[in-house]
Protein backbone atom coordinates (compact mmCIF):
# COMPACT_ATOMS: atom_id res chain seq x y z
CA UNK A 1 132.39 71.04 136.45
CA UNK A 2 134.32 72.22 133.39
CA UNK A 3 137.17 69.83 134.19
CA UNK A 4 134.73 66.98 134.74
CA UNK A 5 133.11 67.61 131.33
CA UNK A 6 136.49 67.75 129.59
CA UNK A 7 137.55 64.52 131.31
CA UNK A 8 134.33 62.74 130.34
CA UNK A 9 134.61 63.93 126.73
CA UNK A 10 138.11 62.44 126.54
CA UNK A 11 136.98 59.20 128.22
CA UNK A 12 133.99 58.91 125.86
CA UNK A 13 136.39 59.23 122.94
CA UNK A 14 138.65 56.61 124.50
CA UNK A 15 135.90 54.02 125.01
CA UNK A 16 134.78 54.10 121.38
CA UNK A 17 138.45 53.83 120.33
CA UNK A 18 138.66 50.58 122.32
CA UNK A 19 136.45 48.89 119.75
CA UNK A 20 138.58 49.68 116.70
CA UNK A 21 141.75 49.02 118.70
CA UNK A 22 140.35 45.71 119.90
CA UNK A 23 139.83 44.50 116.33
CA UNK A 24 143.44 45.38 115.50
CA UNK A 25 144.89 43.71 118.61
CA UNK A 26 142.82 40.54 118.44
CA UNK A 27 142.91 40.27 114.65
CA UNK A 28 145.10 37.13 114.68
CA UNK A 29 142.46 35.39 116.85
CA UNK A 30 139.49 36.76 114.88
CA UNK A 31 141.15 35.76 111.61
CA UNK A 32 141.76 32.22 112.86
CA UNK A 33 138.23 31.82 114.28
CA UNK A 34 136.61 32.92 111.01
CA UNK A 35 139.19 31.46 108.59
CA UNK A 36 139.90 34.82 106.93
CA UNK A 37 142.69 35.81 104.57
CA UNK A 38 144.78 38.85 105.48
CA UNK A 39 142.93 40.89 102.85
CA UNK A 40 139.54 39.86 104.28
CA UNK A 41 140.72 40.70 107.77
CA UNK A 42 141.71 44.13 106.55
CA UNK A 43 138.21 44.72 105.20
CA UNK A 44 136.79 44.60 108.74
CA UNK A 45 138.60 47.86 109.38
CA UNK A 46 138.27 49.13 105.82
CA UNK A 47 134.45 48.82 105.77
CA UNK A 48 134.15 50.86 108.94
CA UNK A 49 136.66 53.44 107.73
CA UNK A 50 135.03 53.89 104.31
CA UNK A 51 131.60 54.68 105.78
CA UNK A 52 133.25 56.77 108.50
CA UNK A 53 135.10 58.77 105.83
CA UNK A 54 131.98 59.35 103.71
CA UNK A 55 130.11 60.59 106.78
CA UNK A 56 132.70 63.15 107.89
CA UNK A 57 131.45 66.11 105.85
CA UNK A 58 127.75 65.47 106.67
CA UNK A 59 128.69 65.08 110.34
CA UNK A 60 130.66 68.35 110.32
CA UNK A 61 127.78 70.13 108.55
CA UNK A 62 125.26 68.87 111.11
CA UNK A 63 127.56 69.84 113.99
CA UNK A 64 127.76 73.42 112.62
CA UNK A 65 124.01 73.56 112.02
CA UNK A 66 122.55 71.76 115.05
CA UNK A 67 123.56 70.73 118.57
CA UNK A 68 126.92 68.90 118.47
CA UNK A 69 126.10 67.34 121.87
CA UNK A 70 123.05 65.54 120.48
CA UNK A 71 125.06 64.13 117.59
CA UNK A 72 127.85 63.11 119.97
CA UNK A 73 125.48 61.18 122.25
CA UNK A 74 123.69 59.45 119.35
CA UNK A 75 127.04 58.47 117.84
CA UNK A 76 128.32 56.99 121.10
CA UNK A 77 125.10 55.06 121.68
CA UNK A 78 125.14 53.51 118.20
CA UNK A 79 128.85 52.67 118.33
CA UNK A 80 128.61 50.85 121.64
CA UNK A 81 125.43 48.93 120.79
CA UNK A 82 127.11 47.71 117.60
CA UNK A 83 130.19 46.68 119.60
CA UNK A 84 127.95 44.51 121.79
CA UNK A 85 126.46 42.93 118.65
CA UNK A 86 129.94 42.36 117.17
CA UNK A 87 130.71 40.20 120.19
CA UNK A 88 128.01 37.63 119.29
CA UNK A 89 128.32 37.50 115.48
CA UNK A 90 129.86 34.43 113.84
CA UNK A 91 129.55 35.31 110.15
CA UNK A 92 132.23 37.32 108.35
CA UNK A 93 129.58 38.95 106.16
CA UNK A 94 127.53 40.06 109.18
CA UNK A 95 130.66 41.37 110.90
CA UNK A 96 131.40 43.38 107.78
CA UNK A 97 127.90 44.90 107.85
CA UNK A 98 128.27 45.56 111.57
CA UNK A 99 131.52 47.46 111.04
CA UNK A 100 130.03 49.49 108.18
CA UNK A 101 127.24 50.71 110.48
CA UNK A 102 129.81 51.28 113.21
CA UNK A 103 131.62 53.67 110.87
CA UNK A 104 128.39 55.67 110.46
CA UNK A 105 127.94 56.18 114.19
CA UNK A 106 131.64 56.77 114.90
CA UNK A 107 131.46 59.67 112.44
CA UNK A 108 128.82 61.33 114.62
CA UNK A 109 131.31 61.29 117.51
CA UNK A 110 134.38 62.85 115.89
CA UNK A 111 133.58 66.34 114.51
CA UNK A 112 130.92 67.12 117.16
CA UNK A 113 133.36 65.99 119.86
CA UNK A 114 136.05 68.31 118.53
CA UNK A 115 133.62 71.23 118.68
CA UNK A 116 132.49 70.31 122.19
CA UNK A 117 136.00 70.12 123.64
CA UNK A 118 137.18 73.22 121.74
CA UNK A 119 134.32 75.16 123.34
CA UNK A 120 135.81 74.39 126.75
CA UNK A 121 139.11 76.14 125.88
CA UNK A 122 140.07 79.69 124.82
CA UNK A 123 140.30 80.21 121.04
CA UNK A 124 144.11 80.54 121.18
CA UNK A 125 144.35 77.03 122.67
CA UNK A 126 142.36 75.25 119.96
CA UNK A 127 145.22 72.93 118.93
CA UNK A 128 145.77 71.99 122.59
CA UNK A 129 142.09 71.08 122.97
CA UNK A 130 142.06 68.98 119.81
CA UNK A 131 145.27 67.19 120.76
CA UNK A 132 143.85 66.38 124.18
CA UNK A 133 140.65 65.00 122.60
CA UNK A 134 142.41 62.49 120.37
CA UNK A 135 144.84 61.54 123.15
CA UNK A 136 141.93 59.76 124.80
CA UNK A 137 141.86 57.11 122.08
CA UNK A 138 145.50 56.29 122.56
CA UNK A 139 145.16 56.28 126.34
CA UNK A 140 142.57 53.53 126.06
CA UNK A 141 144.89 51.57 123.79
CA UNK A 142 147.51 51.54 126.54
CA UNK A 143 145.07 49.71 128.82
CA UNK A 144 143.79 47.49 126.00
CA UNK A 145 147.20 46.44 124.74
CA UNK A 146 148.57 45.84 128.24
CA UNK A 147 145.67 43.95 129.77
CA UNK A 148 143.83 42.57 126.73
CA UNK A 149 146.30 39.80 125.82
CA UNK A 150 146.32 38.63 129.46
CA UNK A 151 142.52 38.48 129.67
CA UNK A 152 141.71 37.13 126.22
CA UNK A 153 143.03 33.68 127.05
CA UNK A 154 140.63 33.42 129.98
CA UNK A 155 137.46 35.06 128.69
CA UNK A 156 137.92 35.21 124.89
CA UNK A 157 137.81 38.21 122.60
CA UNK A 158 134.01 38.17 122.34
CA UNK A 159 133.50 38.77 126.05
CA UNK A 160 136.04 41.60 125.93
CA UNK A 161 134.05 43.36 123.22
CA UNK A 162 130.98 43.06 125.44
CA UNK A 163 132.94 44.72 128.25
CA UNK A 164 134.03 47.51 125.90
CA UNK A 165 130.40 48.19 125.00
CA UNK A 166 129.30 48.21 128.64
CA UNK A 167 132.09 50.65 129.59
CA UNK A 168 131.15 52.92 126.69
CA UNK A 169 127.48 53.02 127.62
CA UNK A 170 128.31 53.73 131.26
CA UNK A 171 130.58 56.64 130.34
CA UNK A 172 127.94 58.00 127.96
CA UNK A 173 125.43 58.17 130.83
CA UNK A 174 127.95 59.95 133.08
CA UNK A 175 128.67 62.56 130.41
CA UNK A 176 124.97 63.08 129.73
CA UNK A 177 124.37 63.69 133.44
CA UNK A 178 127.35 66.06 133.85
CA UNK A 179 126.74 68.08 130.68
CA UNK A 180 122.98 68.26 130.97
CA UNK A 181 120.49 68.22 128.09
CA UNK A 182 121.61 69.40 124.68
CA UNK A 183 120.94 73.06 124.02
CA UNK A 184 119.82 74.01 120.47
CA UNK A 185 122.10 76.41 118.66
CA UNK A 186 120.86 80.00 118.70
CA UNK A 187 119.74 81.45 115.36
CA UNK A 188 122.56 82.89 113.25
CA UNK A 189 122.62 85.71 110.74
CA UNK A 190 124.84 83.54 108.56
CA UNK A 191 123.86 79.89 109.18
CA UNK A 192 125.89 77.12 107.62
CA UNK A 193 124.52 75.92 104.26
CA UNK A 194 125.23 72.92 102.07
CA UNK A 195 126.72 75.28 99.48
CA UNK A 196 129.39 76.46 101.92
CA UNK A 197 131.63 73.47 101.24
CA UNK A 198 132.34 74.27 97.55
CA UNK A 199 133.27 77.81 98.63
CA UNK A 200 135.68 76.45 101.23
CA UNK A 201 137.21 74.07 98.68
CA UNK A 202 138.30 77.02 96.57
CA UNK A 203 140.93 77.78 99.21
CA UNK A 204 144.31 76.16 98.60
CA UNK A 205 144.93 75.58 102.32
CA UNK A 206 141.95 73.20 102.50
CA UNK A 207 143.35 70.91 99.79
CA UNK A 208 146.93 71.00 101.05
CA UNK A 209 145.90 70.11 104.58
CA UNK A 210 143.63 67.46 103.05
CA UNK A 211 146.68 65.79 101.46
CA UNK A 212 148.45 65.82 104.83
CA UNK A 213 145.33 64.45 106.52
CA UNK A 214 145.21 61.60 103.97
CA UNK A 215 148.77 60.67 104.88
CA UNK A 216 148.25 61.21 108.62
CA UNK A 217 145.59 58.56 109.14
CA UNK A 218 146.93 56.21 106.45
CA UNK A 219 150.13 56.07 108.49
CA UNK A 220 148.52 56.11 111.94
CA UNK A 221 145.94 53.40 111.22
CA UNK A 222 148.09 51.38 108.85
CA UNK A 223 150.88 51.24 111.43
CA UNK A 224 148.80 50.64 114.56
CA UNK A 225 146.28 48.25 112.95
CA UNK A 226 148.87 45.89 111.44
CA UNK A 227 151.67 46.22 114.03
CA UNK A 228 150.45 43.36 116.30
CA UNK A 229 149.87 41.05 113.33
CA UNK A 230 153.29 41.93 111.81
CA UNK A 231 155.00 41.14 115.12
CA UNK A 232 153.18 37.81 115.47
CA UNK A 233 153.36 36.61 111.85
CA UNK A 234 156.57 38.13 110.45
CA UNK A 235 158.64 38.47 113.64
CA UNK A 236 157.43 35.32 115.42
CA UNK A 237 156.40 37.07 118.64
CA UNK A 238 153.58 35.97 120.95
CA UNK A 239 150.32 37.89 121.11
CA UNK A 240 151.23 38.98 124.65
CA UNK A 241 154.53 40.45 123.43
CA UNK A 242 152.80 42.12 120.49
CA UNK A 243 150.26 43.61 122.90
CA UNK A 244 152.99 44.98 125.16
CA UNK A 245 154.75 46.57 122.16
CA UNK A 246 151.46 48.12 121.06
CA UNK A 247 150.93 49.36 124.63
CA UNK A 248 154.39 50.94 124.61
CA UNK A 249 153.51 52.72 121.37
CA UNK A 250 150.17 53.96 122.72
CA UNK A 251 151.81 55.12 125.97
CA UNK A 252 154.18 57.29 123.96
CA UNK A 253 151.52 58.52 121.52
CA UNK A 254 148.91 59.63 124.08
CA UNK A 255 150.89 62.43 125.81
CA UNK A 256 152.54 63.44 122.53
CA UNK A 257 149.10 64.34 121.11
CA UNK A 258 148.54 66.86 123.87
CA UNK A 259 152.12 68.18 123.85
CA UNK A 260 152.06 68.64 120.07
CA UNK A 261 148.99 70.86 120.28
CA UNK A 262 150.39 72.73 123.27
CA UNK A 263 153.72 73.36 121.52
CA UNK A 264 151.99 74.55 118.35
CA UNK A 265 149.86 77.02 120.33
CA UNK A 266 152.84 78.28 122.30
CA UNK A 267 155.22 78.92 119.41
CA UNK A 268 152.55 79.78 116.82
CA UNK A 269 154.21 77.64 114.14
CA UNK A 270 151.96 74.65 113.39
CA UNK A 271 153.75 73.77 110.16
CA UNK A 272 157.02 73.29 112.03
CA UNK A 273 155.36 70.66 114.22
CA UNK A 274 153.67 69.07 111.19
CA UNK A 275 156.80 69.00 109.01
CA UNK A 276 159.08 67.68 111.75
CA UNK A 277 156.64 64.87 112.51
CA UNK A 278 156.32 63.82 108.86
CA UNK A 279 160.09 63.76 108.32
CA UNK A 280 160.57 61.57 111.40
CA UNK A 281 157.79 59.21 110.31
CA UNK A 282 159.29 58.82 106.83
CA UNK A 283 162.59 57.70 108.37
CA UNK A 284 161.03 55.39 110.97
CA UNK A 285 158.68 53.58 108.58
CA UNK A 286 161.50 53.05 106.06
CA UNK A 287 163.60 51.40 108.80
CA UNK A 288 160.89 49.36 110.55
CA UNK A 289 161.07 46.06 108.64
CA UNK A 290 164.85 46.20 108.09
CA UNK A 291 166.16 46.56 111.64
CA UNK A 292 167.38 43.29 113.21
CA UNK A 293 166.32 42.09 116.65
CA UNK A 294 163.54 43.16 118.99
CA UNK A 295 165.52 45.91 120.79
CA UNK A 296 165.97 47.73 117.47
CA UNK A 297 162.32 47.12 116.58
CA UNK A 298 161.25 48.61 119.92
CA UNK A 299 163.40 51.70 119.31
CA UNK A 300 161.87 52.28 115.86
CA UNK A 301 158.33 51.62 117.12
CA UNK A 302 158.94 54.14 119.91
CA UNK A 303 160.23 56.75 117.44
CA UNK A 304 157.20 56.31 115.18
CA UNK A 305 154.75 56.28 118.09
CA UNK A 306 155.98 59.59 119.51
CA UNK A 307 155.27 61.50 116.29
CA UNK A 308 152.52 59.45 114.58
CA UNK A 309 149.74 61.74 115.87
CA UNK A 310 151.68 64.58 117.51
CA UNK A 311 150.60 66.94 114.71
CA UNK A 312 146.88 66.09 114.97
CA UNK A 313 145.91 69.29 116.82
CA UNK A 314 148.02 71.68 114.70
CA UNK A 315 146.78 70.09 111.47
CA UNK A 316 143.08 70.46 112.35
CA UNK A 317 143.59 73.93 113.79
CA UNK A 318 145.53 75.28 110.77
CA UNK A 319 142.69 75.68 108.20
CA UNK A 320 140.40 77.04 110.94
CA UNK A 321 143.03 79.64 111.83
CA UNK A 322 143.33 80.65 108.15
CA UNK A 323 139.62 80.65 107.24
CA UNK A 324 137.87 81.34 110.55
CA UNK A 325 135.97 79.28 113.15
CA UNK A 326 132.40 79.81 111.87
CA UNK A 327 132.67 76.75 109.60
CA UNK A 328 134.93 74.76 111.93
CA UNK A 329 132.70 71.68 111.72
CA UNK A 330 132.77 71.60 107.92
CA UNK A 331 136.54 72.19 107.83
CA UNK A 332 137.18 69.48 110.41
CA UNK A 333 134.77 67.13 108.65
CA UNK A 334 136.44 67.56 105.27
CA UNK A 335 139.89 67.13 106.81
CA UNK A 336 138.86 63.93 108.53
CA UNK A 337 137.14 62.73 105.35
CA UNK A 338 140.50 62.95 103.57
CA UNK A 339 142.20 61.29 106.53
CA UNK A 340 139.84 58.33 106.52
CA UNK A 341 140.16 57.84 102.77
CA UNK A 342 143.85 57.34 103.50
CA UNK A 343 143.06 54.96 106.35
CA UNK A 344 140.59 52.99 104.22
CA UNK A 345 143.04 52.66 101.33
CA UNK A 346 146.15 51.73 103.29
CA UNK A 347 144.68 49.51 106.01
CA UNK A 348 143.28 47.35 103.21
CA UNK A 349 146.38 47.71 101.00
CA UNK A 350 148.79 46.50 103.69
CA UNK A 351 146.76 43.31 104.09
CA UNK A 352 146.56 42.81 100.32
CA UNK A 353 150.31 43.39 99.98
CA UNK A 354 150.95 40.79 102.67
CA UNK A 355 148.82 38.27 100.78
CA UNK A 356 150.57 39.05 97.49
CA UNK A 357 154.20 39.23 98.67
CA UNK A 358 154.24 37.28 101.91
CA UNK A 359 155.63 40.31 103.75
CA UNK A 360 154.52 43.65 105.15
CA UNK A 361 157.74 45.36 104.01
CA UNK A 362 156.44 46.93 100.79
CA UNK A 363 153.39 48.24 102.66
CA UNK A 364 155.39 49.97 105.40
CA UNK A 365 157.82 51.45 102.88
CA UNK A 366 154.88 52.83 100.87
CA UNK A 367 153.73 54.62 104.04
CA UNK A 368 157.20 56.19 104.28
CA UNK A 369 156.90 57.51 100.72
CA UNK A 370 153.43 58.87 101.51
CA UNK A 371 154.95 60.89 104.39
CA UNK A 372 157.34 62.54 101.93
CA UNK A 373 154.40 63.54 99.71
CA UNK A 374 152.67 65.05 102.75
CA UNK A 375 155.88 66.87 103.70
CA UNK A 376 155.85 68.54 100.27
CA UNK A 377 152.22 69.61 100.85
CA UNK A 378 153.22 71.12 104.21
CA UNK A 379 155.96 73.12 102.49
CA UNK A 380 153.49 74.42 99.89
CA UNK A 381 151.03 75.40 102.65
CA UNK A 382 153.55 77.73 104.30
CA UNK A 383 152.54 80.94 102.45
CA UNK A 384 148.87 80.58 103.51
CA UNK A 385 149.86 79.89 107.13
CA UNK A 386 152.19 82.93 107.19
CA UNK A 387 149.47 85.26 105.82
CA UNK A 388 147.03 84.14 108.53
CA UNK A 389 149.41 84.83 111.42
């Protein structure tokens, strides 16, 4: 039963990731149907990410205080119902509102889900559990990017979003049946309070990992969201080719998430995994728009995809290892708040840069520079990580 619950948690995470990934993959079609500029198209993701970011700390607080399973189920239900509604909307303004509400419910999935899957593993395998959890989102993108471009010509992107919602609701029911009803948290002698966050923010490790989190999702979402559009618009590739390249990237990213957490737990050096990933990303993003020919593009995309989220588990586990697991929800929520500020800023910025310059080059190079800033933060975090070990 434990394996079934872990599997369903990962699949639940993957189905809600289909929705955000579907917007990125089908953005050229959505943009054409609605007559959007690149900047407007970017706001469909940015609106969701802004609300999602603002909800991370409240979601983490609620997960520490109440049943994370209840929050997880409510978040999945809302996300998938809104995906079904997205499929029938024809107004850009209504789609924007839809994605803002989607960000609210997606936030109820993330931190509670991390706590739920971490509870299924020993405490010394926390990074492994967290890496496995996020791998689900990239696993779904493999299927989406491989099959989506082939199906969209026959059924249209709206019907596909309806299928995503139906799959998500079905998986939610399976998890609810396997896991049983949510159990309230037992009373604690030291329950989480709203005033705990300012106390946590006095620790240097929280801010340094927050800087790295900002860069992590700015790079991950900026790269994956705009990659299909860059290939179609700047490189002249078909949507099918762009989808296959995105599928290749997701196929490399998904197992790397798990392996990154596993390696960090085994060697006990999370900052080595984090720093190596950031250095590789800085090089790959700097090269991406300069390399000639599709074989070279594929090689760079593969290099970026392997490391773009490989340090997810170690990065979330690091402040918990330093400060303790009692406030794991708050720590994870604040870290993901910083991450989604980065995603909000750079997913929008790359579209705005494209409108202003006619190219994505300056946007991808700025992501490379951001990785170097995060690498400096990882170096400064080393003394805190050493003291905790």
